[in-house]
Amino acid sequence: MSRVCELTGKAVMSGNNVSHALNRTRRKFRPNLNKVTLMSDILGLTVKMKISTHALRSVEHNGGLDNFLVKANDLKLSLKARRLKKNIKKKLATV
């Protein structure tokens, strides 16, 4: 699996290490990804995802996975997260 956050779309970026003498060598900036298990209250199931620590803080700030996914942009979400969002919206529509 690639190094991309499933919720925010954060991926590896490239840049330069710059020495004191201003020598530049290429380097990679990797996102801080963690494998976490998140609970969906509406669906009543747990989901394992590979997300960045920034996304984990955002999920907690928005009041859980369900609220975060409903507000999230579909272009940044992974396929797994988009399917989960679709199921949550479907469940909310019936309630």
N, C-alpha and C. Protein backbone atom coordinates (compact mmCIF):
# COMPACT_ATOMS: atom_id res chain seq x y z
N MET A 1 0.84 -1.17 0.00
CA MET A 1 0.00 0.00 0.00
C MET A 1 0.89 1.24 0.00
N SER A 2 0.45 2.27 -0.72
CA SER A 2 1.27 3.48 -0.81
C SER A 2 1.18 4.31 0.46
N ARG A 3 2.08 5.25 0.59
CA ARG A 3 2.12 6.10 1.79
C ARG A 3 1.20 7.29 1.60
N VAL A 4 -0.10 7.03 1.65
CA VAL A 4 -1.10 8.08 1.49
C VAL A 4 -2.14 7.91 2.59
N CYS A 5 -2.52 9.02 3.21
CA CYS A 5 -3.57 9.00 4.23
C CYS A 5 -4.90 8.71 3.56
N GLU A 6 -5.69 7.80 4.14
CA GLU A 6 -6.96 7.42 3.54
C GLU A 6 -8.05 8.46 3.73
N LEU A 7 -7.88 9.38 4.66
CA LEU A 7 -8.92 10.38 4.92
C LEU A 7 -8.61 11.76 4.37
N THR A 8 -7.34 12.17 4.41
CA THR A 8 -7.00 13.51 3.96
C THR A 8 -6.25 13.54 2.65
N GLY A 9 -5.75 12.40 2.20
CA GLY A 9 -5.01 12.36 0.94
C GLY A 9 -3.57 12.84 1.04
N LYS A 10 -3.08 13.05 2.27
CA LYS A 10 -1.69 13.47 2.42
C LYS A 10 -0.77 12.38 1.89
N ALA A 11 0.23 12.79 1.09
CA ALA A 11 1.13 11.82 0.48
C ALA A 11 2.57 12.28 0.65
N VAL A 12 3.49 11.50 0.11
CA VAL A 12 4.91 11.83 0.19
C VAL A 12 5.18 13.05 -0.68
N MET A 13 5.94 13.99 -0.11
CA MET A 13 6.36 15.18 -0.86
C MET A 13 7.88 15.14 -0.98
N SER A 14 8.41 15.85 -1.97
CA SER A 14 9.86 15.88 -2.13
C SER A 14 10.36 17.30 -1.95
N GLY A 15 11.64 17.39 -1.59
CA GLY A 15 12.25 18.69 -1.37
C GLY A 15 13.75 18.54 -1.27
N ASN A 16 14.37 19.50 -0.62
CA ASN A 16 15.82 19.51 -0.52
C ASN A 16 16.27 19.55 0.93
N ASN A 17 17.37 18.84 1.24
CA ASN A 17 18.14 19.09 2.45
C ASN A 17 19.10 20.21 2.09
N VAL A 18 19.15 21.24 2.91
CA VAL A 18 20.03 22.36 2.64
C VAL A 18 21.06 22.44 3.76
N SER A 19 22.32 22.29 3.39
CA SER A 19 23.40 22.33 4.38
C SER A 19 23.75 23.78 4.71
N HIS A 20 24.65 23.94 5.68
CA HIS A 20 25.10 25.28 6.07
C HIS A 20 25.80 25.98 4.90
N ALA A 21 26.44 25.19 4.04
CA ALA A 21 27.12 25.73 2.87
C ALA A 21 26.17 25.87 1.67
N LEU A 22 24.86 25.67 1.91
CA LEU A 22 23.80 25.77 0.90
C LEU A 22 23.90 24.72 -0.20
N ASN A 23 24.54 23.56 0.13
CA ASN A 23 24.50 22.43 -0.78
C ASN A 23 23.12 21.81 -0.68
N ARG A 24 22.55 21.46 -1.83
CA ARG A 24 21.19 20.91 -1.83
C ARG A 24 21.21 19.45 -2.30
N THR A 25 20.60 18.58 -1.50
CA THR A 25 20.43 17.18 -1.88
C THR A 25 18.96 16.84 -1.73
N ARG A 26 18.48 16.00 -2.62
CA ARG A 26 17.04 15.69 -2.64
C ARG A 26 16.67 14.82 -1.43
N ARG A 27 15.45 15.02 -0.93
CA ARG A 27 14.95 14.21 0.17
C ARG A 27 13.44 14.07 0.04
N LYS A 28 12.87 13.22 0.87
CA LYS A 28 11.42 13.01 0.87
C LYS A 28 10.84 13.41 2.22
N PHE A 29 9.68 14.03 2.18
CA PHE A 29 8.92 14.35 3.39
C PHE A 29 7.77 13.36 3.45
N ARG A 30 7.85 12.42 4.38
CA ARG A 30 6.83 11.38 4.48
C ARG A 30 5.78 11.76 5.53
N PRO A 31 4.50 11.52 5.26
CA PRO A 31 3.48 11.81 6.27
C PRO A 31 3.57 10.83 7.43
N ASN A 32 3.17 11.28 8.60
CA ASN A 32 3.20 10.46 9.81
C ASN A 32 1.95 9.58 9.82
N LEU A 33 2.04 8.39 9.22
CA LEU A 33 0.88 7.50 9.09
C LEU A 33 0.85 6.47 10.22
N ASN A 34 -0.37 6.18 10.68
CA ASN A 34 -0.59 5.17 11.70
C ASN A 34 -1.74 4.28 11.28
N LYS A 35 -1.64 3.00 11.63
CA LYS A 35 -2.75 2.08 11.41
C LYS A 35 -3.64 2.15 12.64
N VAL A 36 -4.87 2.62 12.47
CA VAL A 36 -5.79 2.79 13.59
C VAL A 36 -7.10 2.09 13.30
N THR A 37 -7.83 1.78 14.35
CA THR A 37 -9.17 1.24 14.24
C THR A 37 -10.13 2.30 14.73
N LEU A 38 -11.02 2.73 13.84
CA LEU A 38 -11.98 3.77 14.16
C LEU A 38 -13.38 3.17 14.23
N MET A 39 -14.20 3.72 15.10
CA MET A 39 -15.56 3.22 15.31
C MET A 39 -16.56 4.11 14.59
N SER A 40 -17.43 3.50 13.81
CA SER A 40 -18.54 4.22 13.19
C SER A 40 -19.77 4.01 14.07
N ASP A 41 -20.23 5.08 14.70
CA ASP A 41 -21.37 4.98 15.62
C ASP A 41 -22.67 4.70 14.87
N ILE A 42 -22.85 5.29 13.71
CA ILE A 42 -24.10 5.14 12.96
C ILE A 42 -24.23 3.73 12.41
N LEU A 43 -23.15 3.19 11.84
CA LEU A 43 -23.19 1.85 11.27
C LEU A 43 -22.96 0.77 12.31
N GLY A 44 -22.35 1.13 13.44
CA GLY A 44 -22.10 0.16 14.50
C GLY A 44 -21.01 -0.83 14.16
N LEU A 45 -19.98 -0.38 13.44
CA LEU A 45 -18.87 -1.28 13.11
C LEU A 45 -17.54 -0.55 13.24
N THR A 46 -16.47 -1.33 13.33
CA THR A 46 -15.13 -0.77 13.42
C THR A 46 -14.44 -0.89 12.06
N VAL A 47 -13.61 0.10 11.76
CA VAL A 47 -12.92 0.15 10.48
C VAL A 47 -11.44 0.37 10.72
N LYS A 48 -10.60 -0.45 10.09
CA LYS A 48 -9.16 -0.27 10.18
C LYS A 48 -8.71 0.59 9.01
N MET A 49 -7.96 1.65 9.33
CA MET A 49 -7.50 2.57 8.31
C MET A 49 -6.06 2.98 8.58
N LYS A 50 -5.40 3.43 7.53
CA LYS A 50 -4.05 3.96 7.61
C LYS A 50 -4.16 5.46 7.41
N ILE A 51 -4.10 6.22 8.53
CA ILE A 51 -4.32 7.66 8.45
C ILE A 51 -3.17 8.42 9.11
N SER A 52 -3.06 9.68 8.77
CA SER A 52 -2.04 10.53 9.37
C SER A 52 -2.50 10.98 10.75
N THR A 53 -1.55 11.41 11.56
CA THR A 53 -1.90 11.90 12.89
C THR A 53 -2.73 13.17 12.79
N HIS A 54 -2.51 13.97 11.76
CA HIS A 54 -3.30 15.18 11.54
C HIS A 54 -4.76 14.79 11.30
N ALA A 55 -5.00 13.75 10.51
CA ALA A 55 -6.36 13.29 10.23
C ALA A 55 -7.02 12.73 11.49
N LEU A 56 -6.24 12.04 12.33
CA LEU A 56 -6.78 11.50 13.58
C LEU A 56 -7.25 12.62 14.48
N ARG A 57 -6.47 13.70 14.57
CA ARG A 57 -6.87 14.86 15.36
C ARG A 57 -8.13 15.51 14.78
N SER A 58 -8.21 15.56 13.45
CA SER A 58 -9.38 16.15 12.79
C SER A 58 -10.63 15.32 13.04
N VAL A 59 -10.50 14.00 13.03
CA VAL A 59 -11.64 13.11 13.30
C VAL A 59 -12.14 13.36 14.72
N GLU A 60 -11.23 13.44 15.68
CA GLU A 60 -11.62 13.68 17.06
C GLU A 60 -12.24 15.07 17.23
N HIS A 61 -11.72 16.07 16.51
CA HIS A 61 -12.23 17.43 16.61
C HIS A 61 -13.65 17.55 16.04
N ASN A 62 -13.93 16.77 14.99
CA ASN A 62 -15.25 16.82 14.36
C ASN A 62 -16.28 15.94 15.05
N GLY A 63 -15.90 15.26 16.10
CA GLY A 63 -16.86 14.46 16.85
C GLY A 63 -17.02 13.04 16.38
N GLY A 64 -16.02 12.49 15.76
CA GLY A 64 -16.06 11.08 15.36
C GLY A 64 -15.91 10.90 13.86
N LEU A 65 -15.77 9.65 13.48
CA LEU A 65 -15.54 9.29 12.08
C LEU A 65 -16.73 9.67 11.19
N ASP A 66 -17.94 9.44 11.69
CA ASP A 66 -19.14 9.69 10.88
C ASP A 66 -19.26 11.16 10.50
N ASN A 67 -19.11 12.05 11.47
CA ASN A 67 -19.20 13.49 11.19
C ASN A 67 -18.08 13.95 10.27
N PHE A 68 -16.88 13.41 10.45
CA PHE A 68 -15.76 13.78 9.60
C PHE A 68 -16.03 13.39 8.15
N LEU A 69 -16.51 12.16 7.93
CA LEU A 69 -16.73 11.69 6.57
C LEU A 69 -17.86 12.44 5.88
N VAL A 70 -18.90 12.78 6.61
CA VAL A 70 -20.02 13.51 6.00
C VAL A 70 -19.56 14.87 5.49
N LYS A 71 -18.64 15.51 6.23
CA LYS A 71 -18.15 16.84 5.84
C LYS A 71 -17.00 16.79 4.84
N ALA A 72 -16.36 15.63 4.67
CA ALA A 72 -15.13 15.53 3.88
C ALA A 72 -15.41 15.60 2.38
N ASN A 73 -14.40 16.07 1.66
CA ASN A 73 -14.44 16.15 0.20
C ASN A 73 -14.13 14.76 -0.37
N ASP A 74 -14.94 14.30 -1.33
CA ASP A 74 -14.76 12.96 -1.89
C ASP A 74 -13.44 12.80 -2.65
N LEU A 75 -12.91 13.89 -3.19
CA LEU A 75 -11.68 13.79 -3.98
C LEU A 75 -10.48 13.39 -3.13
N LYS A 76 -10.48 13.75 -1.85
CA LYS A 76 -9.35 13.44 -0.97
C LYS A 76 -9.48 12.07 -0.32
N LEU A 77 -10.68 11.50 -0.28
CA LEU A 77 -10.90 10.22 0.40
C LEU A 77 -10.46 9.04 -0.46
N SER A 78 -10.05 7.97 0.19
CA SER A 78 -9.74 6.74 -0.52
C SER A 78 -11.04 6.03 -0.90
N LEU A 79 -10.93 5.00 -1.71
CA LEU A 79 -12.11 4.25 -2.15
C LEU A 79 -12.85 3.64 -0.96
N LYS A 80 -12.09 3.10 -0.02
CA LYS A 80 -12.66 2.50 1.19
C LYS A 80 -13.45 3.54 1.99
N ALA A 81 -12.88 4.74 2.14
CA ALA A 81 -13.53 5.80 2.90
C ALA A 81 -14.77 6.32 2.17
N ARG A 82 -14.70 6.40 0.82
CA ARG A 82 -15.88 6.84 0.05
C ARG A 82 -17.03 5.86 0.18
N ARG A 83 -16.73 4.57 0.18
CA ARG A 83 -17.78 3.57 0.36
C ARG A 83 -18.41 3.67 1.75
N LEU A 84 -17.57 3.89 2.74
CA LEU A 84 -18.06 4.06 4.11
C LEU A 84 -18.94 5.30 4.22
N LYS A 85 -18.52 6.38 3.59
CA LYS A 85 -19.29 7.63 3.59
C LYS A 85 -20.66 7.41 2.93
N LYS A 86 -20.67 6.67 1.83
CA LYS A 86 -21.92 6.39 1.12
C LYS A 86 -22.88 5.60 2.01
N ASN A 87 -22.36 4.60 2.73
CA ASN A 87 -23.19 3.80 3.62
C ASN A 87 -23.72 4.63 4.79
N ILE A 88 -22.91 5.55 5.29
CA ILE A 88 -23.34 6.42 6.39
C ILE A 88 -24.45 7.35 5.94
N LYS A 89 -24.29 7.94 4.73
CA LYS A 89 -25.33 8.84 4.21
C LYS A 89 -26.63 8.08 3.96
N LYS A 90 -26.51 6.84 3.48
CA LYS A 90 -27.70 6.03 3.22
C LYS A 90 -28.43 5.72 4.52
N LYS A 91 -27.66 5.42 5.57
CA LYS A 91 -28.24 5.11 6.87
C LYS A 91 -28.89 6.34 7.48
N LEU A 92 -28.25 7.51 7.30
CA LEU A 92 -28.82 8.76 7.83
C LEU A 92 -30.11 9.13 7.11
N ALA A 93 -30.20 8.82 5.82
CA ALA A 93 -31.40 9.16 5.04
C ALA A 93 -32.60 8.33 5.48
N THR A 94 -32.36 7.10 5.93
CA THR A 94 -33.47 6.23 6.34
C THR A 94 -33.94 6.53 7.76
N VAL A 95 -33.07 7.15 8.57
CA VAL A 95 -33.42 7.42 9.96
C VAL A 95 -34.21 8.69 10.10
